[in-house]
Every structure is written in C-alpha cells, then in structure tokens.
Amino acid sequence: MSDYDLIVIGSGPAGRSAAIQAGKLKRRVLVVDRKDRLGGVSVHTGTIPSKTLRETVLNLSGWRERSFYGRAYRVKDEIRAEDLKARLHMTLDYEVDVLEHQFNRNHVETLHGQARFTGPNEIEVATEAGDVSRITGDRFLISTGTKTYRPDYVPFNGQTIVDSDEFLELAKIPRSLIVVGAGVIGVEYATMFSALDVRVSLIEPRETFLDFIDNTIIHEFTHQIRDNGVDLRLGSAIETIEDAGEHVEVTLSNGRHIRAEMLLFAAGRMGATSNLNLKSVGLETDHRGRIEVDRKSYQTSVPHIYAAGDVIGHPSLASTSGQQGRIASCHALDTPTMPESPWFPYGIYSVPEISTCGMSEEQMQERGIAYEVGIARFRETSRGHIMGVDQGMLKMLVSLKTRRVLGVQIVGEGATELIHIAQAVLNLKGTVDYFVQNTFNYPTLAEAYKIAGLDAFNRMPIPEEYKVKRKGDGKVS
C-alpha cells in the first residue's frame, strides 16, 4: 500500500487547490515544497507580491488623485524601499497563515524539501538539514511553477542588475530603471515604478508586445504609459549589458545607449522541473522546461502523473492554475467534476490595468466573423469624473449574426474587477441586448458596459421583436 493517495509537488495555486480538493475527498494527501514556507512563486515572488507592491505604490504616491491635484501631488513626500516592503511582508505572512490553516483544516500533510522521482510511484525528498525521505504515492501532481530565466549575457549581481525575484528585495528605490522584456512582468514593474516618478526605460527586442491583447487596447495603453513617462523602446535588441559600478549601461543593436541606476531583467521564465528527475518516470519537457498535458484532465503521458499551473505553460495565470489543480485532483482520484468554463479573464496589473475576456478584434477577423464594435470611455461616466479618471476605455465585440458578445477588452482603473461582468455574459452565451436592457448602479464605472452596448446596438439591425407597433392602424414604426 502506498503512503499517499496523492502527492503534490509544489504549493502554488495549482498545488494548493489540488491538495485541498483531495483533502475534502478524505484522501491521504501530501504536499512537498522545496521552500520553508508554503505558497510557491505566486505568494512569495510572483502574483501576490507584485500586486501588493502596486497597491502600495498607488496609495503612497497619490497616483489616483493626481488628475485633481496635479502631477506633483503625493500622499508621502519621500517614499522609501522600506515603505514598499512593510505592506508586502504583512500581506505575505497573512497569505501563508491562511494557506497553512486550510491545509490543517483539510488534513493535508506537508513536507519541506527538494523532491525528485526515483521510480514510477516513489519520490525522494531531501531537506536543507540533509535528511532524505523516500515516499510512495498512487498519483502525483507536478505543480512546481516556474523560475526566472537568467541568460549568460546578463551580468546579474543581485543589487543593480537583478531578476524579478531579486527585485522584490531592493535596498532603495532607484532614480532610474531599465526594464528588459515587455511581457506581463516587465510591463507591470515598469509602469508601477513610473508611477513613483522613477525614470523608466522599457526595452523589448520585438516590434510588438503583449500580442494576445487587442490592438486597440495596446495602442491606448501605449499612449497612456508614454504620457506617464515610460520610455518604451520596441524593436531594440540588446547588444551588451555592462555593470559600470555606479550605473548600468545597455547598448542596443541600433547603436543607442541607455544608462540607469538599476536594471531589471524580466524576459521570460522557465519551468521549474530540472531537479525532478523526470526522465526516470519517462517524462520529457520542452526547451523551456514545461510539461505537456491533456488540457481536459491535466494528465501527462504517464497516466498516474499529472501537471498543472505555470509548469505546463500558457496561460500561466494564478487564477487558471487553481482551476487546473482542482480538475487534475478530481480526475486523478476518479471523482466527477464540472469542466472549466470556456472563457476566462486575463488581468495585467500595470498602471493602468488591462483586462480582457473572449476574442480580440484580430481573432474575429481571422475567423471571418461579421461583427460590430462598441466603445465606452471612462470619462463618459459620472463615476469616472468623480474618481478623476480621465483615461481608460471599454471595448465590446458583438456578432452581427447571433448578437452574442464575443469579446470585451478594458484598459483603465478597475479593469481587472470590471471584466468579470463580461466573463459571465460570455460564458452564458449572452447577447448585446443584455447590456441595453440592464440597469447598472449609478454612478459606477460598470456603466461603461451599457454605453459600449448601446454604441454597438445603435449601429446594428434592429430585431423584428423590438420594433414598435402603433395602436389602431397596426403599422410598424
């Protein structure tokens, strides 16, 4: 008999939800994590820290009030690194406490140490103290997440040239910052520190960035961040990065030089699988260390081993990772459960926020879907004026054939919260008519849905059932 019904390697969102689900099914479950504190990358160096840091920056800098009181307005005159990290550590401690409580309540056992497979149903766990345990299990879930990509040409020193993990331990706020990589992580940190009035240069070797986002939203976002002071360099490949002591100097392929006090390298992450000895159980990874799975069950090519979360690649979101872990756990333990919803939201916690759900306009065109577009500007809402929001927009894409809403994209204040209205309508196969008929609280930013809905509706053919019939003559007007 095996020691456990399910062994989960990694305690991020996927591992957490899988273990708790197994615990609720009264199964013997063990979570192994190499760190001495539970939570994984999401809690300690990824999702929670970066979003906490963002909220702290916006609060202390008075960013949300500057449209009323001017760009020079600040809640706190001098913001130090200690100010940013104080709230960060309080939040992380709370997250770990909640997770430990959930595991205890659901009888989930935990073990801290580096796990590696030694056989089809056995792992070896080595602790920092040097102890080694051999543990057997009927089923396994790999949810080890990702680690930072650190290429050889970058002279990391942990102080002025850092990766996204090291960046959270900064000793002081730099006066100038170079961010390499305009992916989600790079964009979030670049715009966040620009809000602190740090001079930020964001370098992306490709001509475009965040390609999965609708082009209209990216154009709006690009205009806003440049207006906020971000020096965005697209199509700029890096020739060299030099640690010059008092500053960091980057030479671009176009001959330009950029100098700053600090450089954050945020160009990609790798699956954290190199220490798992996967070949011993017949598993392979791609060039980024990611594991291929069946996207309905999250089962790998080895039937009793599952994988979920960032370690399987796209979409690499904490929200979807949690869903994947739960579904994998149920499948592994022969328990029926509902499948994932077809549409899920993306959230980018930049300044301003971006969030999308459903198809982009480019995807609609690629599929040959006839559509109409509805646009709403946050400044068109009374709530926007009250909040001092002079930028931001909501874009709605509607099928002309079925009138269904097929995509919503938002850039601006509260985008990551507002998107869930769109998510519900998309997953319920709702039409634009819902937004025309529905009444929203007034004043709210959510009114932008009605404005965008009416904008699209007024350019679409009116359905026969909505046409008004006059009394008496029976004629239709």
Foldseek 3Di string as FASTA:
>chain_A
DFPWAEEEEAQALLSLLLLLLCLVVVTAYEYEYQDPFHHACCLQQDVLLLLLLLVQLCQQQVLLCCLPVHLNDGNHPDDKLCSSVVSSVVRSVVVRVVSVVSCVVSVYHYDHADWADPAQFWIWGAHPVGDIDIGGYQFYEYENAWAADDDPQQPDDLAFEEESRSVSVHRTLWLEEEEEAQALSSQAVQQSVLSVVRQYEYEYLAQDYPVQAFPVVVVQVVVVSVVSRYRYHHNWAWDHWDCPPQWIWTATPVGDIDITRHYYYYHDIAQPCPRHNCVNNPFDAPPRQAGDADVFQQAGPRRRYGYFAPSNPPPRDSVVRNVNSNSNSCVNVVHDDDTDQPKDKDWRVHVWIKMKIFHHPVVCVVVVFDKFKFKFFLVVAPVCVVSSNPGKMKMWIAGLVPQFTGMIIITGPPNVVLCVVVVVSVSVRHGLVCLCPDDDDPRDSNVNSNRRSVRRVVVHDDDPVPWDADPDPRDTD
